């Protein structure tokens, strides 16, 4: 292929700077992407094919530059780019680090993540879409190709943000990716918007947690020719959730769609309920789709309730299940009875949250500060082992605030860097919130 730009070619940016093309990275449906040098910093440069370099795209990029990135997870446009030798244009954005892998690698089991890493990714994903929608924007194309993950930390990056538009706008552009598009988009009844984003987000989350598509059960297994009419029927005109509580005709096929069957039994009911809502009433009722704020809240709660089995497998503490069964369940991996670590119940003005205090567990601003409920980092507390007695565990204060607690009628303080022993019944005052240690 003849590349649109030459190596070492200089392009001009609308902020007055220049960048130099260093290497060709790849091409897609809209244009080509290069690594470029911008004042000694490596950036990505996307250059549009002539048929894609339309005034509408140029105006859309200008609007995105004016609004700015919703948060740091977006590889957002930094500046428009043009060339004196070419009437086309492009833009520069941050360069994706090489350690980030496409999310499809996770679904295809090319990379493995712990449940904690996986839930970090889902929380960052939902929080990012929540912030984008709060700016009056919609992403339009939530799918495997546009999201990348750091396998070591679970952090995510979001690319192809030039497709982001004002919510509800009718400008031309991508309508989405097959298998991820909302039914009304498949049926060409609507333009992409924040409600269709929410459906696509639910599909991606289902893929991440269950390694399967939520609508691909027995119906998909019986399709002989998976052509466009078959796809339109399955995803648009006659969609049915594989775990629909009122219709089991699309239930996963044993021996063929095992991932969905295995993972469905691992997760707590409160998470499965969200997917039930998304893919039953939410299939066609836009107002029934799970909002980004609820996804974030429940996924954070799920991450807070991971239990480590003695075999090393991660399980989930489902308080409602334990109260009903009056005992902890068996580990999904080794079939041994789980042992519940200490927990801490933190009371906010509008809610309570319970966090399992495994070794190394951390608390964040959203846990202990009511006024900072949207802050997911940095850690403000951590479960640590006593330096002289390995059987004693404490909660270390990583914040700049001083905590207080009462022991045998005496009020004691826990300054930054100090720890309080995790003893059942200890009541902690974090300032804005109160907490009780449970065992």
Protein backbone atom coordinates (compact mmCIF):
# COMPACT_ATOMS: atom_id res chain seq x y z
CA UNK A 1 0.00 0.00 0.00
CA UNK A 2 1.21 3.50 -0.79
CA UNK A 3 1.27 5.34 2.49
CA UNK A 4 -0.46 8.71 2.66
CA UNK A 5 2.48 10.36 4.40
CA UNK A 6 6.23 9.93 3.90
CA UNK A 7 8.70 9.09 6.64
CA UNK A 8 10.34 12.23 8.05
CA UNK A 9 7.60 14.36 6.49
CA UNK A 10 6.62 17.35 8.64
CA UNK A 11 3.00 18.27 9.22
CA UNK A 12 1.68 21.45 10.78
CA UNK A 13 -0.54 21.55 13.85
CA UNK A 14 -3.20 24.14 14.51
CA UNK A 15 -1.55 25.03 17.83
CA UNK A 16 1.50 26.39 16.01
CA UNK A 17 3.73 23.35 16.47
CA UNK A 18 5.01 20.86 13.90
CA UNK A 19 5.44 17.11 14.15
CA UNK A 20 7.55 14.74 12.09
CA UNK A 21 6.41 11.35 10.80
CA UNK A 22 8.66 8.58 12.18
CA UNK A 23 7.00 5.26 11.36
CA UNK A 24 3.85 3.71 9.90
CA UNK A 25 1.71 1.93 12.52
CA UNK A 26 -1.28 0.72 10.51
CA UNK A 27 -4.45 1.61 8.63
CA UNK A 28 -8.19 1.29 9.12
CA UNK A 29 -11.42 2.26 7.47
CA UNK A 30 -10.91 5.98 7.91
CA UNK A 31 -7.20 6.50 7.42
CA UNK A 32 -3.68 5.63 8.47
CA UNK A 33 -1.91 5.99 11.81
CA UNK A 34 1.74 6.89 12.25
CA UNK A 35 4.11 7.40 15.13
CA UNK A 36 5.34 10.98 15.05
CA UNK A 37 7.70 13.20 17.01
CA UNK A 38 6.22 16.31 18.62
CA UNK A 39 8.90 18.41 20.27
CA UNK A 40 10.74 15.29 21.40
CA UNK A 41 7.59 13.46 22.54
CA UNK A 42 6.29 10.41 20.69
CA UNK A 43 2.65 10.84 19.62
CA UNK A 44 0.21 9.08 17.30
CA UNK A 45 -0.80 10.87 14.10
CA UNK A 46 -3.98 9.80 12.32
CA UNK A 47 -4.26 10.93 8.69
CA UNK A 48 -7.58 10.57 6.87
CA UNK A 49 -8.12 9.02 3.46
CA UNK A 50 -9.29 11.67 0.94
CA UNK A 51 -12.86 10.36 0.93
CA UNK A 52 -12.98 10.61 4.74
CA UNK A 53 -11.41 14.07 5.05
CA UNK A 54 -14.74 15.88 4.97
CA UNK A 55 -15.58 19.31 6.41
CA UNK A 56 -17.97 17.63 8.86
CA UNK A 57 -15.12 15.52 10.26
CA UNK A 58 -12.90 18.59 10.54
CA UNK A 59 -15.63 20.47 12.43
CA UNK A 60 -16.25 17.48 14.71
CA UNK A 61 -12.55 17.35 15.63
CA UNK A 62 -12.53 21.06 16.39
CA UNK A 63 -15.47 20.55 18.74
CA UNK A 64 -13.73 17.64 20.51
CA UNK A 65 -10.59 19.73 20.97
CA UNK A 66 -12.68 22.49 22.50
CA UNK A 67 -14.48 20.16 24.92
CA UNK A 68 -11.39 18.23 26.02
CA UNK A 69 -11.02 14.63 27.18
CA UNK A 70 -13.63 13.37 29.71
CA UNK A 71 -10.80 11.77 31.72
CA UNK A 72 -7.25 10.48 31.34
CA UNK A 73 -8.35 7.11 29.92
CA UNK A 74 -9.17 8.66 26.55
CA UNK A 75 -6.45 8.97 23.89
CA UNK A 76 -8.11 12.25 22.98
CA UNK A 77 -7.20 14.48 20.01
CA UNK A 78 -4.47 16.97 20.97
CA UNK A 79 -4.37 19.11 17.83
CA UNK A 80 -5.47 19.17 14.19
CA UNK A 81 -2.78 18.44 11.61
CA UNK A 82 -2.40 19.62 8.01
CA UNK A 83 0.27 19.60 5.29
CA UNK A 84 1.32 22.24 2.79
CA UNK A 85 1.55 19.46 0.19
CA UNK A 86 -1.86 17.93 0.86
CA UNK A 87 -5.43 19.22 1.12
CA UNK A 88 -6.30 16.40 3.53
CA UNK A 89 -5.87 16.55 7.28
CA UNK A 90 -5.49 14.51 10.42
CA UNK A 91 -4.89 14.92 14.13
CA UNK A 92 -2.39 13.96 16.80
CA UNK A 93 -3.21 12.10 20.01
CA UNK A 94 -1.26 10.41 22.79
CA UNK A 95 0.59 7.27 21.70
CA UNK A 96 -0.69 4.06 23.24
CA UNK A 97 2.04 2.39 25.36
CA UNK A 98 3.17 -0.98 24.05
CA UNK A 99 2.15 -2.85 27.22
CA UNK A 100 -1.55 -2.18 26.54
CA UNK A 101 -3.31 -5.04 24.77
CA UNK A 102 -6.57 -5.06 22.86
CA UNK A 103 -9.52 -6.16 25.00
CA UNK A 104 -10.30 -8.88 22.44
CA UNK A 105 -7.08 -10.60 23.59
CA UNK A 106 -8.69 -11.04 26.99
CA UNK A 107 -11.92 -12.48 25.61
CA UNK A 108 -9.94 -14.87 23.38
CA UNK A 109 -7.80 -15.89 26.40
CA UNK A 110 -4.55 -14.64 24.87
CA UNK A 111 -4.01 -12.77 28.13
CA UNK A 112 -5.24 -13.68 31.62
CA UNK A 113 -6.36 -11.28 34.34
CA UNK A 114 -7.30 -11.82 37.95
CA UNK A 115 -10.84 -10.88 38.96
CA UNK A 116 -9.45 -7.78 40.69
CA UNK A 117 -7.61 -6.65 37.54
CA UNK A 118 -10.66 -7.43 35.43
CA UNK A 119 -12.95 -5.44 37.71
CA UNK A 120 -10.53 -2.53 37.70
CA UNK A 121 -10.93 -2.51 33.92
CA UNK A 122 -14.73 -2.66 34.06
CA UNK A 123 -14.88 0.16 36.61
CA UNK A 124 -12.56 2.37 34.56
CA UNK A 125 -14.57 1.56 31.44
CA UNK A 126 -17.95 2.43 32.98
CA UNK A 127 -16.57 5.51 34.71
CA UNK A 128 -15.09 6.75 31.43
CA UNK A 129 -18.37 6.35 29.56
CA UNK A 130 -20.19 8.03 32.45
CA UNK A 131 -17.86 11.03 32.21
CA UNK A 132 -18.22 11.16 28.42
CA UNK A 133 -22.02 11.12 28.59
CA UNK A 134 -21.92 13.82 31.28
CA UNK A 135 -20.28 16.09 28.68
CA UNK A 136 -23.25 15.61 26.35
CA UNK A 137 -21.36 13.22 24.06
CA UNK A 138 -21.85 9.70 22.80
CA UNK A 139 -19.10 7.29 21.78
CA UNK A 140 -21.06 5.56 18.96
CA UNK A 141 -18.78 2.52 18.58
CA UNK A 142 -18.21 0.69 21.87
CA UNK A 143 -16.61 -2.59 20.78
CA UNK A 144 -13.45 -4.69 21.09
CA UNK A 145 -11.41 -2.66 18.62
CA UNK A 146 -11.41 0.61 20.53
CA UNK A 147 -10.39 -0.41 24.04
CA UNK A 148 -7.01 -1.49 25.37
CA UNK A 149 -6.00 -2.92 28.73
CA UNK A 150 -2.84 -3.14 30.81
CA UNK A 151 -2.77 -6.85 31.81
CA UNK A 152 -0.71 -6.11 34.94
CA UNK A 153 -2.95 -3.42 36.43
CA UNK A 154 -6.31 -3.64 34.66
CA UNK A 155 -6.05 0.00 33.56
CA UNK A 156 -7.71 0.85 30.24
CA UNK A 157 -7.18 3.25 27.36
CA UNK A 158 -9.83 4.30 24.83
CA UNK A 159 -8.90 5.12 21.24
CA UNK A 160 -10.69 6.20 18.02
CA UNK A 161 -12.23 9.15 19.80
CA UNK A 162 -12.67 11.08 16.55
CA UNK A 163 -15.93 9.13 16.17
CA UNK A 164 -17.32 10.74 19.34
CA UNK A 165 -20.18 13.12 18.59
CA UNK A 166 -22.67 15.33 20.38
CA UNK A 167 -25.38 13.11 21.82
CA UNK A 168 -28.33 12.79 19.44
CA UNK A 169 -26.63 14.48 16.48
CA UNK A 170 -27.52 13.14 13.04
CA UNK A 171 -24.15 13.60 11.35
CA UNK A 172 -22.87 10.77 9.21
CA UNK A 173 -20.26 8.38 10.53
CA UNK A 174 -20.00 4.95 12.05
CA UNK A 175 -23.20 3.48 13.46
CA UNK A 176 -21.26 0.92 15.48
CA UNK A 177 -19.82 -2.57 15.20
CA UNK A 178 -21.94 -5.67 14.48
CA UNK A 179 -22.75 -7.72 17.62
CA UNK A 180 -22.37 -4.60 19.79
CA UNK A 181 -24.98 -2.30 18.29
CA UNK A 182 -28.26 -1.75 20.12
CA UNK A 183 -31.30 -3.42 18.50
CA UNK A 184 -32.78 -0.07 17.40
CA UNK A 185 -29.50 0.77 15.62
CA UNK A 186 -29.47 -2.62 13.89
CA UNK A 187 -33.03 -1.94 12.74
CA UNK A 188 -31.98 1.56 11.49
CA UNK A 189 -34.63 3.17 13.70
CA UNK A 190 -32.26 5.59 15.42
CA UNK A 191 -28.92 7.31 15.21
CA UNK A 192 -26.27 6.33 17.77
CA UNK A 193 -26.77 8.12 21.10
CA UNK A 194 -26.01 7.71 24.79
CA UNK A 195 -28.82 5.15 25.20
CA UNK A 196 -27.40 2.96 22.43
CA UNK A 197 -23.98 3.44 24.05
CA UNK A 198 -25.40 1.99 27.27
CA UNK A 199 -26.55 -1.13 25.45
CA UNK A 200 -23.16 -1.56 23.76
CA UNK A 201 -21.45 -1.01 27.11
CA UNK A 202 -23.54 -3.80 28.65
CA UNK A 203 -22.54 -6.14 25.82
CA UNK A 204 -18.85 -5.36 26.33
CA UNK A 205 -19.14 -5.81 30.11
CA UNK A 206 -20.87 -9.16 29.59
CA UNK A 207 -18.06 -10.24 27.28
CA UNK A 208 -15.46 -9.22 29.88
CA UNK A 209 -17.12 -10.97 32.82
CA UNK A 210 -18.58 -14.02 31.09
CA UNK A 211 -16.39 -14.39 27.97
CA UNK A 212 -19.47 -14.71 25.80
CA UNK A 213 -22.08 -12.65 23.95
CA UNK A 214 -25.35 -12.12 25.88
CA UNK A 215 -27.59 -12.95 22.90
CA UNK A 216 -25.71 -15.94 21.47
CA UNK A 217 -27.31 -19.08 22.81
CA UNK A 218 -29.21 -21.94 21.18
CA UNK A 219 -30.48 -19.67 18.39
CA UNK A 220 -26.95 -18.78 17.29
CA UNK A 221 -25.86 -22.41 17.54
CA UNK A 222 -28.55 -23.52 15.07
CA UNK A 223 -27.76 -20.89 12.40
CA UNK A 224 -26.29 -22.56 9.32
CA UNK A 225 -25.29 -19.44 7.43
CA UNK A 226 -24.26 -16.55 9.69
CA UNK A 227 -24.91 -13.88 7.06
CA UNK A 228 -26.25 -10.32 7.44
CA UNK A 229 -29.98 -11.29 7.54
CA UNK A 230 -29.22 -13.88 10.24
CA UNK A 231 -27.25 -11.34 12.27
CA UNK A 232 -29.96 -8.70 11.92
CA UNK A 233 -32.54 -11.15 13.22
CA UNK A 234 -30.40 -12.35 16.13
CA UNK A 235 -29.22 -8.92 17.30
CA UNK A 236 -31.93 -6.56 16.06
CA UNK A 237 -35.32 -7.93 15.13
CA UNK A 238 -35.63 -10.92 17.46
CA UNK A 239 -33.03 -10.64 20.23
CA UNK A 240 -33.35 -12.81 23.34
CA UNK A 241 -31.07 -12.89 26.38
CA UNK A 242 -29.42 -16.26 26.91
CA UNK A 243 -30.47 -16.20 30.59
CA UNK A 244 -33.92 -14.66 30.13
CA UNK A 245 -35.86 -15.78 33.24
CA UNK A 246 -39.12 -16.10 31.30
CA UNK A 247 -37.90 -17.74 28.09
CA UNK A 248 -35.20 -20.42 28.02
CA UNK A 249 -35.36 -21.04 24.28
CA UNK A 250 -32.04 -19.25 23.78
CA UNK A 251 -30.25 -20.85 26.72
CA UNK A 252 -26.51 -21.57 26.17
CA UNK A 253 -25.74 -24.93 24.62
CA UNK A 254 -23.73 -27.22 26.89
CA UNK A 255 -20.47 -28.33 25.38
CA UNK A 256 -20.49 -25.42 22.92
CA UNK A 257 -21.18 -22.23 24.89
CA UNK A 258 -19.56 -23.30 28.15
CA UNK A 259 -18.03 -19.97 29.19
CA UNK A 260 -21.41 -18.37 29.79
CA UNK A 261 -22.62 -21.36 31.82
CA UNK A 262 -19.49 -21.55 33.99
CA UNK A 263 -19.11 -17.87 34.77
CA UNK A 264 -22.82 -17.18 35.32
CA UNK A 265 -22.69 -19.28 38.50
CA UNK A 266 -19.60 -17.51 39.86
CA UNK A 267 -20.94 -13.96 40.14
CA UNK A 268 -23.28 -12.63 42.86
CA UNK A 269 -26.95 -12.13 42.09
CA UNK A 270 -26.78 -8.31 42.28
CA UNK A 271 -24.49 -8.25 39.24
CA UNK A 272 -26.53 -10.81 37.32
CA UNK A 273 -29.64 -8.71 38.02
CA UNK A 274 -28.09 -5.76 36.15
CA UNK A 275 -27.50 -7.91 33.09
CA UNK A 276 -31.04 -9.29 33.39
CA UNK A 277 -32.32 -5.72 33.29
CA UNK A 278 -30.03 -4.74 30.40
CA UNK A 279 -31.00 -7.62 28.15
CA UNK A 280 -34.68 -8.15 28.96
CA UNK A 281 -36.56 -4.86 29.46
CA UNK A 282 -33.51 -2.93 28.28
CA UNK A 283 -33.51 -4.61 24.88
CA UNK A 284 -36.19 -2.28 23.58
CA UNK A 285 -37.04 0.07 26.44
CA UNK A 286 -34.28 2.69 26.37
CA UNK A 287 -35.22 3.98 29.82
CA UNK A 288 -34.74 0.52 31.34
CA UNK A 289 -31.08 0.34 30.37
CA UNK A 290 -28.64 0.38 33.25
CA UNK A 291 -27.10 3.83 33.71
CA UNK A 292 -23.36 4.27 33.88
CA UNK A 293 -23.53 5.45 37.51
CA UNK A 294 -25.27 2.24 38.59
CA UNK A 295 -22.82 0.06 36.68
CA UNK A 296 -19.93 1.85 38.38
CA UNK A 297 -21.46 1.56 41.85
CA UNK A 298 -22.23 -2.16 41.56
CA UNK A 299 -18.92 -3.06 39.89
CA UNK A 300 -17.06 -1.23 42.65
CA UNK A 301 -19.09 -3.21 45.21
CA UNK A 302 -18.19 -6.42 43.38
CA UNK A 303 -14.49 -5.53 43.45
CA UNK A 304 -14.78 -4.72 47.17
CA UNK A 305 -16.08 -8.21 47.89
CA UNK A 306 -13.47 -10.52 46.40
CA UNK A 307 -12.47 -13.36 48.74
CA UNK A 308 -9.23 -15.29 48.33
CA UNK A 309 -9.65 -19.03 48.86
CA UNK A 310 -6.81 -21.04 50.43
CA UNK A 311 -6.32 -22.61 47.00
CA UNK A 312 -5.57 -19.18 45.54
CA UNK A 313 -8.77 -18.80 43.53
CA UNK A 314 -10.71 -15.55 43.78
CA UNK A 315 -14.37 -15.82 44.79
CA UNK A 316 -17.06 -13.26 45.60
CA UNK A 317 -18.68 -12.54 48.93
CA UNK A 318 -22.42 -12.21 48.40
CA UNK A 319 -23.86 -11.01 51.71
CA UNK A 320 -27.45 -11.68 50.65
CA UNK A 321 -26.58 -15.28 49.72
CA UNK A 322 -24.70 -15.86 52.99
CA UNK A 323 -27.56 -14.47 55.09
CA UNK A 324 -30.01 -16.75 53.30
CA UNK A 325 -27.81 -19.87 53.39
CA UNK A 326 -26.31 -19.03 56.81
CA UNK A 327 -22.88 -20.15 55.61
CA UNK A 328 -20.31 -19.23 53.01
CA UNK A 329 -20.48 -21.05 49.66
CA UNK A 330 -17.92 -23.48 48.33
CA UNK A 331 -15.01 -22.25 46.27
CA UNK A 332 -15.80 -22.54 42.57
CA UNK A 333 -12.28 -23.88 41.92
CA UNK A 334 -11.42 -26.36 44.72
CA UNK A 335 -14.89 -26.95 46.22
CA UNK A 336 -13.71 -26.13 49.75
CA UNK A 337 -15.77 -23.97 52.11
CA UNK A 338 -14.64 -20.33 51.89
CA UNK A 339 -13.26 -18.53 54.95
CA UNK A 340 -14.46 -14.96 55.40
CA UNK A 341 -11.72 -12.40 56.15
CA UNK A 342 -12.35 -9.30 58.30
CA UNK A 343 -14.65 -6.75 56.70
CA UNK A 344 -15.31 -3.09 57.26
CA UNK A 345 -18.75 -1.51 57.01
CA UNK A 346 -18.58 2.18 56.11
CA UNK A 347 -21.64 4.38 56.58
CA UNK A 348 -22.27 7.29 54.23
CA UNK A 349 -25.24 9.63 54.49
CA UNK A 350 -27.10 7.84 51.70
CA UNK A 351 -25.64 4.34 51.68
CA UNK A 352 -23.56 1.72 53.44
CA UNK A 353 -20.76 -0.25 51.83
CA UNK A 354 -19.01 -3.38 53.04
CA UNK A 355 -15.44 -4.08 51.95
CA UNK A 356 -13.67 -7.42 52.42
CA UNK A 357 -10.26 -6.78 54.00
CA UNK A 358 -8.06 -9.34 52.31
CA UNK A 359 -4.31 -9.09 52.72
CA UNK A 360 -3.19 -6.01 50.79
CA UNK A 361 -6.75 -4.71 50.29
CA UNK A 362 -6.95 -0.95 49.81
CA UNK A 363 -9.53 1.76 50.50
CA UNK A 364 -9.94 4.72 48.15
CA UNK A 365 -11.43 8.22 48.43
CA UNK A 366 -14.88 7.03 47.32
CA UNK A 367 -14.89 4.62 50.26
CA UNK A 368 -14.30 7.03 53.12
CA UNK A 369 -15.09 10.53 51.84
CA UNK A 370 -18.72 11.32 51.04
CA UNK A 371 -17.67 14.47 49.19
CA UNK A 372 -15.23 12.53 46.98
CA UNK A 373 -17.52 9.72 45.86
CA UNK A 374 -16.27 9.90 42.25
CA UNK A 375 -12.56 9.64 43.09
CA UNK A 376 -11.27 6.13 42.44
CA UNK A 377 -7.64 6.80 43.40
CA UNK A 378 -5.16 7.09 45.07
CA UNK A 379 -5.38 4.58 47.92
CA UNK A 380 -6.04 6.20 51.32
CA UNK A 381 -5.76 3.02 53.45
CA UNK A 382 -4.26 -0.46 53.12
CA UNK A 383 -4.44 -3.76 55.02
CA UNK A 384 -0.96 -4.53 56.36
CA UNK A 385 0.64 -7.24 58.46
CA UNK A 386 2.10 -6.48 61.90
CA UNK A 387 5.91 -6.32 61.58
CA UNK A 388 6.49 -8.50 64.70
CA UNK A 389 3.36 -10.66 64.78
CA UNK A 390 2.31 -12.10 61.39
CA UNK A 391 -1.05 -13.17 62.82
CA UNK A 392 -2.07 -9.57 63.50
CA UNK A 393 -3.39 -7.36 60.72
CA UNK A 394 -4.09 -3.67 60.68
CA UNK A 395 -5.47 -0.91 58.50
CA UNK A 396 -2.74 1.60 57.64
CA UNK A 397 -3.62 5.26 57.15
CA UNK A 398 -2.22 6.43 53.79
CA UNK A 399 -4.14 9.71 53.82
CA UNK A 400 -3.14 13.08 55.23
CA UNK A 401 -6.11 13.03 57.61
CA UNK A 402 -6.06 11.73 61.18
CA UNK A 403 -8.56 9.02 62.08
CA UNK A 404 -9.95 8.33 65.53
CA UNK A 405 -11.32 5.24 67.26
CA UNK A 406 -12.40 4.32 70.78
CA UNK A 407 -10.73 1.47 72.64
CA UNK A 408 -11.77 0.59 76.21
CA UNK A 409 -13.35 4.01 76.60
CA UNK A 410 -10.30 5.91 75.41
CA UNK A 411 -10.27 7.88 72.17
CA UNK A 412 -7.14 7.16 70.14
CA UNK A 413 -5.81 8.63 66.92
CA UNK A 414 -4.36 7.09 63.77
CA UNK A 415 -2.16 9.59 61.97
CA UNK A 416 -0.74 9.26 58.47
CA UNK A 417 1.50 6.21 58.28
CA UNK A 418 0.06 4.62 61.44
CA UNK A 419 -2.19 1.53 61.63
CA UNK A 420 -5.18 0.44 63.65
CA UNK A 421 -5.48 -3.27 64.51
CA UNK A 422 -8.37 -5.04 62.81
CA UNK A 423 -10.38 -6.15 65.84
CA UNK A 424 -14.06 -7.01 65.57
CA UNK A 425 -16.25 -4.20 66.85
CA UNK A 426 -13.69 -1.39 66.46
CA UNK A 427 -15.45 1.80 65.35
CA UNK A 428 -13.42 4.14 63.18
CA UNK A 429 -14.10 7.80 62.47
CA UNK A 430 -12.64 8.83 59.11
CA UNK A 431 -13.95 12.38 59.46
CA UNK A 432 -16.74 12.37 56.91
CA UNK A 433 -17.77 8.77 57.52
CA UNK A 434 -18.02 6.22 60.32
CA UNK A 435 -16.95 2.60 60.01
CA UNK A 436 -17.11 -0.66 61.96
CA UNK A 437 -14.71 -3.58 61.66
CA UNK A 438 -16.53 -6.91 61.30
CA UNK A 439 -15.28 -10.47 61.69
